[in-house]
Amino acid sequence: MSDPTYQTKIHGNVGGDRWTVESGGTIDVQSGGSVRYAAGAGFSADSVTAGTLTLGGTQGRWAFGSAALTSGTVRIFTGLGQVVSASVTPVTAGINAGTGAGTATSFQIDLSRAANGTVFALGVTGTAAFTGAGTVTWQAFGL
């Protein structure tokens, strides 16, 4: 007879509608295996602002979020120790297009403070600086 007090770190809930991975548990996907999401499926990362990932045996960290763009520039505190790369995207196409400030067509990423985990995103409209406001999403990878 098994010990009724023993609880595994990974278990299926009664009713079979959910698997739970407790603290200290891990799900490993072996070589050739995959996790797939069908069209319309959801993925949730509740309250996650930074996480650890390993690619090809090299461990790194990632972070993401949203930030207010003011005067065409946003300073992003990523929570990472050091940023290696980052990207910024406007939440809506044509950020503040009606203000006469133009539309942010892309963002130049300034990594001058990347060693401290901070990046600056500078909005660009065509070849000129963007001076409008709005909201952007960002993602950063680093250590």
N, C-alpha and C. Protein backbone atom coordinates (compact mmCIF):
# COMPACT_ATOMS: atom_id res chain seq x y z
N MET A 1 0.84 -1.18 0.00
CA MET A 1 0.00 0.00 0.00
C MET A 1 0.89 1.24 0.00
N SER A 2 0.51 2.25 -0.77
CA SER A 2 1.34 3.45 -0.86
C SER A 2 1.06 4.40 0.30
N ASP A 3 2.01 5.27 0.55
CA ASP A 3 1.90 6.25 1.62
C ASP A 3 0.93 7.36 1.18
N PRO A 4 -0.22 7.54 1.84
CA PRO A 4 -1.20 8.55 1.41
C PRO A 4 -0.72 9.99 1.66
N THR A 5 0.37 10.19 2.40
CA THR A 5 0.85 11.55 2.65
C THR A 5 1.84 12.01 1.59
N TYR A 6 2.29 11.09 0.71
CA TYR A 6 3.27 11.44 -0.32
C TYR A 6 2.60 12.21 -1.45
N GLN A 7 3.12 13.37 -1.77
CA GLN A 7 2.58 14.20 -2.86
C GLN A 7 3.68 14.46 -3.87
N THR A 8 3.43 14.17 -5.15
CA THR A 8 4.41 14.46 -6.19
C THR A 8 4.39 15.95 -6.50
N LYS A 9 5.49 16.45 -7.07
CA LYS A 9 5.58 17.86 -7.44
C LYS A 9 4.81 18.17 -8.72
N ILE A 10 4.52 17.13 -9.52
CA ILE A 10 3.72 17.28 -10.73
C ILE A 10 2.56 16.32 -10.62
N HIS A 11 1.34 16.83 -10.73
CA HIS A 11 0.18 15.96 -10.58
C HIS A 11 -0.99 16.50 -11.40
N GLY A 12 -1.88 15.57 -11.76
CA GLY A 12 -3.11 15.94 -12.43
C GLY A 12 -4.18 16.21 -11.39
N ASN A 13 -4.96 17.25 -11.60
CA ASN A 13 -6.02 17.59 -10.66
C ASN A 13 -7.21 16.64 -10.84
N VAL A 14 -8.00 16.50 -9.79
CA VAL A 14 -9.20 15.68 -9.85
C VAL A 14 -10.09 16.24 -10.96
N GLY A 15 -10.59 15.39 -11.80
CA GLY A 15 -11.39 15.82 -12.94
C GLY A 15 -10.58 15.87 -14.23
N GLY A 16 -9.25 15.85 -14.10
CA GLY A 16 -8.39 15.77 -15.27
C GLY A 16 -8.34 17.00 -16.14
N ASP A 17 -8.73 18.17 -15.63
CA ASP A 17 -8.74 19.36 -16.48
C ASP A 17 -7.50 20.23 -16.33
N ARG A 18 -6.54 19.81 -15.52
CA ARG A 18 -5.36 20.65 -15.31
C ARG A 18 -4.23 19.81 -14.72
N TRP A 19 -2.99 20.12 -15.16
CA TRP A 19 -1.79 19.57 -14.55
C TRP A 19 -1.15 20.68 -13.75
N THR A 20 -0.63 20.36 -12.59
CA THR A 20 0.01 21.35 -11.73
C THR A 20 1.46 20.94 -11.50
N VAL A 21 2.37 21.92 -11.64
CA VAL A 21 3.77 21.71 -11.33
C VAL A 21 4.06 22.53 -10.08
N GLU A 22 4.28 21.84 -8.97
CA GLU A 22 4.55 22.52 -7.70
C GLU A 22 5.97 23.08 -7.69
N SER A 23 6.27 23.92 -6.72
CA SER A 23 7.61 24.47 -6.55
C SER A 23 8.62 23.33 -6.49
N GLY A 24 9.66 23.43 -7.31
CA GLY A 24 10.69 22.40 -7.35
C GLY A 24 10.45 21.35 -8.42
N GLY A 25 9.28 21.37 -9.06
CA GLY A 25 8.97 20.42 -10.13
C GLY A 25 9.39 20.98 -11.48
N THR A 26 9.63 20.10 -12.44
CA THR A 26 10.05 20.50 -13.78
C THR A 26 9.42 19.57 -14.79
N ILE A 27 9.01 20.12 -15.93
CA ILE A 27 8.58 19.31 -17.06
C ILE A 27 9.67 19.44 -18.11
N ASP A 28 10.25 18.31 -18.51
CA ASP A 28 11.30 18.29 -19.53
C ASP A 28 10.70 17.81 -20.85
N VAL A 29 10.94 18.56 -21.91
CA VAL A 29 10.56 18.13 -23.25
C VAL A 29 11.83 17.61 -23.90
N GLN A 30 11.85 16.33 -24.22
CA GLN A 30 13.03 15.68 -24.77
C GLN A 30 13.25 16.07 -26.22
N SER A 31 14.46 15.80 -26.72
CA SER A 31 14.82 16.07 -28.11
C SER A 31 13.78 15.44 -29.03
N GLY A 32 13.27 16.24 -29.96
CA GLY A 32 12.24 15.77 -30.87
C GLY A 32 10.84 16.02 -30.36
N GLY A 33 10.70 16.33 -29.07
CA GLY A 33 9.39 16.63 -28.49
C GLY A 33 9.06 18.09 -28.67
N SER A 34 7.82 18.46 -28.45
CA SER A 34 7.43 19.86 -28.59
C SER A 34 6.18 20.15 -27.77
N VAL A 35 5.93 21.42 -27.58
CA VAL A 35 4.68 21.91 -26.99
C VAL A 35 4.05 22.80 -28.05
N ARG A 36 2.83 22.49 -28.46
CA ARG A 36 2.18 23.24 -29.53
C ARG A 36 0.90 23.89 -29.02
N TYR A 37 0.64 25.07 -29.54
CA TYR A 37 -0.58 25.80 -29.21
C TYR A 37 -1.39 25.95 -30.49
N ALA A 38 -2.60 25.45 -30.50
CA ALA A 38 -3.48 25.57 -31.67
C ALA A 38 -3.98 27.01 -31.78
N ALA A 39 -4.41 27.39 -32.98
CA ALA A 39 -4.98 28.72 -33.18
C ALA A 39 -6.11 28.93 -32.18
N GLY A 40 -6.09 30.04 -31.50
CA GLY A 40 -7.11 30.36 -30.50
C GLY A 40 -6.77 29.89 -29.10
N ALA A 41 -5.69 29.11 -28.95
CA ALA A 41 -5.27 28.66 -27.62
C ALA A 41 -4.61 29.82 -26.89
N GLY A 42 -4.64 29.82 -25.60
CA GLY A 42 -4.05 30.89 -24.81
C GLY A 42 -2.78 30.45 -24.12
N PHE A 43 -1.95 31.42 -23.83
CA PHE A 43 -0.73 31.21 -23.05
C PHE A 43 -0.71 32.30 -22.00
N SER A 44 -0.54 31.94 -20.74
CA SER A 44 -0.58 32.92 -19.66
C SER A 44 0.70 32.85 -18.85
N ALA A 45 1.25 34.02 -18.54
CA ALA A 45 2.41 34.13 -17.68
C ALA A 45 2.07 35.17 -16.61
N ASP A 46 1.18 34.81 -15.71
CA ASP A 46 0.69 35.74 -14.69
C ASP A 46 1.81 36.31 -13.84
N SER A 47 1.86 37.62 -13.74
CA SER A 47 2.77 38.35 -12.86
C SER A 47 4.24 38.08 -13.14
N VAL A 48 4.57 37.64 -14.35
CA VAL A 48 5.97 37.40 -14.69
C VAL A 48 6.54 38.64 -15.36
N THR A 49 7.61 39.18 -14.84
CA THR A 49 8.28 40.29 -15.49
C THR A 49 9.67 39.90 -15.95
N ALA A 50 10.22 38.86 -15.38
CA ALA A 50 11.54 38.38 -15.82
C ALA A 50 11.62 36.90 -15.55
N GLY A 51 12.26 36.18 -16.44
CA GLY A 51 12.38 34.75 -16.27
C GLY A 51 13.72 34.27 -16.78
N THR A 52 14.03 33.01 -16.54
CA THR A 52 15.29 32.43 -16.97
C THR A 52 15.03 31.48 -18.11
N LEU A 53 15.90 31.50 -19.12
CA LEU A 53 15.78 30.57 -20.22
C LEU A 53 17.16 30.05 -20.60
N THR A 54 17.19 28.88 -21.23
CA THR A 54 18.44 28.30 -21.68
C THR A 54 18.31 27.97 -23.15
N LEU A 55 19.20 28.48 -23.97
CA LEU A 55 19.21 28.20 -25.40
C LEU A 55 20.55 27.62 -25.77
N GLY A 56 20.55 26.40 -26.27
CA GLY A 56 21.79 25.77 -26.68
C GLY A 56 22.79 25.63 -25.54
N GLY A 57 22.32 25.46 -24.33
CA GLY A 57 23.20 25.29 -23.19
C GLY A 57 23.64 26.60 -22.54
N THR A 58 23.30 27.75 -23.14
CA THR A 58 23.66 29.05 -22.57
C THR A 58 22.45 29.61 -21.82
N GLN A 59 22.64 29.88 -20.55
CA GLN A 59 21.53 30.39 -19.75
C GLN A 59 21.48 31.90 -19.85
N GLY A 60 20.29 32.43 -19.96
CA GLY A 60 20.07 33.86 -20.01
C GLY A 60 18.78 34.20 -19.31
N ARG A 61 18.38 35.45 -19.41
CA ARG A 61 17.12 35.88 -18.81
C ARG A 61 16.36 36.71 -19.82
N TRP A 62 15.05 36.80 -19.64
CA TRP A 62 14.22 37.62 -20.50
C TRP A 62 13.27 38.43 -19.64
N ALA A 63 12.83 39.54 -20.17
CA ALA A 63 11.86 40.39 -19.48
C ALA A 63 11.00 41.07 -20.53
N PHE A 64 9.80 41.45 -20.15
CA PHE A 64 8.91 42.13 -21.08
C PHE A 64 7.94 43.00 -20.31
N GLY A 65 7.29 43.92 -21.01
CA GLY A 65 6.31 44.78 -20.37
C GLY A 65 5.84 45.86 -21.30
N SER A 66 5.22 46.87 -20.74
CA SER A 66 4.78 48.03 -21.51
C SER A 66 5.29 49.28 -20.81
N ALA A 67 5.37 50.36 -21.58
CA ALA A 67 5.89 51.60 -21.02
C ALA A 67 5.26 52.78 -21.74
N ALA A 68 5.22 53.91 -21.06
CA ALA A 68 4.70 55.14 -21.65
C ALA A 68 5.78 55.82 -22.46
N LEU A 69 5.46 56.15 -23.70
CA LEU A 69 6.36 56.86 -24.59
C LEU A 69 6.03 58.34 -24.46
N THR A 70 6.99 59.16 -24.03
CA THR A 70 6.77 60.59 -23.91
C THR A 70 7.82 61.31 -24.73
N SER A 71 7.41 62.30 -25.47
CA SER A 71 8.32 63.08 -26.32
C SER A 71 9.15 62.18 -27.23
N GLY A 72 8.59 61.05 -27.64
CA GLY A 72 9.26 60.16 -28.57
C GLY A 72 10.31 59.26 -27.97
N THR A 73 10.50 59.31 -26.65
CA THR A 73 11.55 58.54 -26.00
C THR A 73 10.98 57.81 -24.79
N VAL A 74 11.50 56.62 -24.53
CA VAL A 74 11.11 55.90 -23.32
C VAL A 74 12.36 55.25 -22.71
N ARG A 75 12.49 55.39 -21.40
CA ARG A 75 13.56 54.72 -20.67
C ARG A 75 12.94 53.49 -20.02
N ILE A 76 13.54 52.32 -20.25
CA ILE A 76 12.97 51.06 -19.78
C ILE A 76 13.91 50.43 -18.76
N PHE A 77 13.40 50.23 -17.55
CA PHE A 77 14.13 49.53 -16.50
C PHE A 77 13.68 48.07 -16.58
N THR A 78 14.52 47.20 -17.12
CA THR A 78 14.11 45.84 -17.44
C THR A 78 14.10 44.88 -16.25
N GLY A 79 14.84 45.19 -15.20
CA GLY A 79 14.98 44.25 -14.08
C GLY A 79 16.08 43.23 -14.32
N LEU A 80 16.71 43.28 -15.50
CA LEU A 80 17.82 42.39 -15.80
C LEU A 80 19.12 43.00 -15.29
N GLY A 81 20.10 42.17 -15.00
CA GLY A 81 21.40 42.68 -14.59
C GLY A 81 22.13 43.36 -15.73
N GLN A 82 21.99 42.80 -16.93
CA GLN A 82 22.62 43.36 -18.13
C GLN A 82 21.75 43.00 -19.32
N VAL A 83 21.50 43.95 -20.21
CA VAL A 83 20.71 43.72 -21.41
C VAL A 83 21.64 43.42 -22.57
N VAL A 84 21.32 42.36 -23.33
CA VAL A 84 22.09 42.01 -24.53
C VAL A 84 21.36 42.51 -25.77
N SER A 85 20.04 42.37 -25.81
CA SER A 85 19.25 42.89 -26.93
C SER A 85 17.86 43.26 -26.44
N ALA A 86 17.21 44.15 -27.18
CA ALA A 86 15.88 44.60 -26.81
C ALA A 86 15.13 45.04 -28.06
N SER A 87 13.81 45.01 -27.97
CA SER A 87 12.98 45.53 -29.06
C SER A 87 11.77 46.23 -28.46
N VAL A 88 11.24 47.19 -29.22
CA VAL A 88 10.08 47.98 -28.78
C VAL A 88 9.10 48.05 -29.95
N THR A 89 7.81 47.93 -29.64
CA THR A 89 6.75 47.99 -30.64
C THR A 89 5.63 48.87 -30.11
N PRO A 90 5.07 49.78 -30.94
CA PRO A 90 3.93 50.56 -30.48
C PRO A 90 2.73 49.65 -30.26
N VAL A 91 1.92 49.94 -29.25
CA VAL A 91 0.73 49.14 -28.96
C VAL A 91 -0.27 49.27 -30.10
N THR A 92 -0.39 50.45 -30.67
CA THR A 92 -1.30 50.67 -31.80
C THR A 92 -0.49 51.20 -32.97
N ALA A 93 -0.91 50.85 -34.17
CA ALA A 93 -0.25 51.37 -35.36
C ALA A 93 -0.52 52.87 -35.43
N GLY A 94 0.47 53.64 -35.78
CA GLY A 94 0.29 55.09 -35.89
C GLY A 94 0.09 55.75 -34.56
N ILE A 95 1.02 55.53 -33.65
CA ILE A 95 0.94 56.08 -32.30
C ILE A 95 0.68 57.59 -32.37
N ASN A 96 -0.38 58.06 -31.77
CA ASN A 96 -0.73 59.48 -31.72
C ASN A 96 -0.67 60.15 -33.10
N ALA A 97 -1.16 59.47 -34.11
CA ALA A 97 -1.03 59.97 -35.48
C ALA A 97 -1.70 61.32 -35.69
N GLY A 98 -2.72 61.64 -34.91
CA GLY A 98 -3.45 62.89 -35.15
C GLY A 98 -2.86 64.11 -34.47
N THR A 99 -1.72 64.01 -33.81
CA THR A 99 -1.20 65.14 -33.05
C THR A 99 -0.29 66.05 -33.85
N GLY A 100 -0.01 65.69 -35.10
CA GLY A 100 0.92 66.49 -35.89
C GLY A 100 2.36 66.12 -35.62
N ALA A 101 2.57 65.14 -34.72
CA ALA A 101 3.93 64.73 -34.37
C ALA A 101 4.42 63.61 -35.28
N GLY A 102 3.58 63.19 -36.23
CA GLY A 102 3.97 62.10 -37.11
C GLY A 102 3.63 60.76 -36.49
N THR A 103 4.13 59.71 -37.08
CA THR A 103 3.88 58.36 -36.61
C THR A 103 5.22 57.67 -36.37
N ALA A 104 5.34 56.99 -35.25
CA ALA A 104 6.56 56.24 -34.96
C ALA A 104 6.59 55.04 -35.90
N THR A 105 7.51 55.06 -36.87
CA THR A 105 7.60 53.96 -37.82
C THR A 105 8.57 52.88 -37.34
N SER A 106 9.45 53.21 -36.43
CA SER A 106 10.40 52.25 -35.87
C SER A 106 11.00 52.85 -34.61
N PHE A 107 11.82 52.06 -33.93
CA PHE A 107 12.48 52.53 -32.72
C PHE A 107 13.96 52.21 -32.79
N GLN A 108 14.77 53.18 -32.45
CA GLN A 108 16.21 52.97 -32.33
C GLN A 108 16.46 52.63 -30.86
N ILE A 109 17.16 51.53 -30.61
CA ILE A 109 17.44 51.10 -29.25
C ILE A 109 18.83 51.58 -28.85
N ASP A 110 18.89 52.36 -27.79
CA ASP A 110 20.16 52.87 -27.26
C ASP A 110 20.56 51.96 -26.10
N LEU A 111 21.65 51.21 -26.28
CA LEU A 111 22.12 50.27 -25.26
C LEU A 111 23.25 50.85 -24.42
N SER A 112 23.37 52.19 -24.37
CA SER A 112 24.48 52.81 -23.62
C SER A 112 24.42 52.50 -22.12
N ARG A 113 23.26 52.16 -21.58
CA ARG A 113 23.13 51.80 -20.17
C ARG A 113 22.78 50.33 -19.98
N ALA A 114 22.98 49.53 -21.04
CA ALA A 114 22.59 48.12 -21.00
C ALA A 114 23.31 47.35 -19.89
N ALA A 115 24.53 47.75 -19.56
CA ALA A 115 25.27 47.06 -18.49
C ALA A 115 24.57 47.20 -17.14
N ASN A 116 23.67 48.18 -17.01
CA ASN A 116 22.91 48.38 -15.78
C ASN A 116 21.47 47.86 -15.89
N GLY A 117 21.13 47.20 -17.01
CA GLY A 117 19.79 46.67 -17.17
C GLY A 117 18.78 47.66 -17.70
N THR A 118 19.24 48.79 -18.21
CA THR A 118 18.36 49.85 -18.70
C THR A 118 18.58 50.06 -20.19
N VAL A 119 17.50 50.29 -20.94
CA VAL A 119 17.62 50.66 -22.35
C VAL A 119 16.77 51.88 -22.62
N PHE A 120 17.13 52.63 -23.63
CA PHE A 120 16.36 53.77 -24.10
C PHE A 120 15.85 53.43 -25.49
N ALA A 121 14.58 53.73 -25.76
CA ALA A 121 14.01 53.53 -27.09
C ALA A 121 13.66 54.91 -27.64
N LEU A 122 14.15 55.19 -28.83
CA LEU A 122 13.94 56.48 -29.47
C LEU A 122 13.05 56.27 -30.69
N GLY A 123 11.88 56.89 -30.69
CA GLY A 123 10.96 56.74 -31.81
C GLY A 123 11.48 57.45 -33.04
N VAL A 124 11.29 56.83 -34.20
CA VAL A 124 11.73 57.40 -35.47
C VAL A 124 10.53 57.42 -36.42
N THR A 125 10.37 58.53 -37.15
CA THR A 125 9.35 58.62 -38.18
C THR A 125 10.06 58.93 -39.48
N GLY A 126 10.11 57.95 -40.36
CA GLY A 126 10.90 58.13 -41.58
C GLY A 126 12.37 58.24 -41.20
N THR A 127 12.97 59.40 -41.44
CA THR A 127 14.37 59.63 -41.05
C THR A 127 14.47 60.66 -39.93
N ALA A 128 13.34 61.17 -39.46
CA ALA A 128 13.34 62.20 -38.41
C ALA A 128 12.94 61.61 -37.07
N ALA A 129 13.30 62.30 -36.00
CA ALA A 129 12.92 61.87 -34.65
C ALA A 129 11.41 62.02 -34.46
N PHE A 130 10.79 61.06 -33.79
CA PHE A 130 9.38 61.11 -33.45
C PHE A 130 9.24 61.84 -32.13
N THR A 131 8.29 62.76 -32.02
CA THR A 131 8.17 63.55 -30.79
C THR A 131 6.85 63.33 -30.06
N GLY A 132 6.03 62.40 -30.51
CA GLY A 132 4.73 62.18 -29.91
C GLY A 132 4.77 61.32 -28.65
N ALA A 133 3.59 60.95 -28.19
CA ALA A 133 3.44 60.14 -26.97
C ALA A 133 2.59 58.93 -27.28
N GLY A 134 2.53 58.00 -26.34
CA GLY A 134 1.72 56.80 -26.49
C GLY A 134 2.22 55.70 -25.58
N THR A 135 1.87 54.47 -25.91
CA THR A 135 2.28 53.32 -25.13
C THR A 135 2.96 52.31 -26.05
N VAL A 136 4.03 51.71 -25.55
CA VAL A 136 4.76 50.70 -26.31
C VAL A 136 4.89 49.43 -25.49
N THR A 137 5.07 48.31 -26.17
CA THR A 137 5.45 47.08 -25.49
C THR A 137 6.92 46.85 -25.75
N TRP A 138 7.59 46.16 -24.85
CA TRP A 138 9.02 45.93 -25.01
C TRP A 138 9.37 44.53 -24.55
N GLN A 139 10.47 44.02 -25.07
CA GLN A 139 11.04 42.77 -24.60
C GLN A 139 12.55 42.92 -24.61
N ALA A 140 13.19 42.29 -23.65
CA ALA A 140 14.64 42.37 -23.53
C ALA A 140 15.21 41.01 -23.14
N PHE A 141 16.39 40.74 -23.64
CA PHE A 141 17.11 39.52 -23.31
C PHE A 141 18.45 39.89 -22.72
N GLY A 142 18.91 39.17 -21.75
CA GLY A 142 20.18 39.51 -21.14
C GLY A 142 20.61 38.51 -20.09
N LEU A 143 21.33 39.02 -19.12
CA LEU A 143 21.92 38.18 -18.06
C LEU A 143 21.40 38.62 -16.71
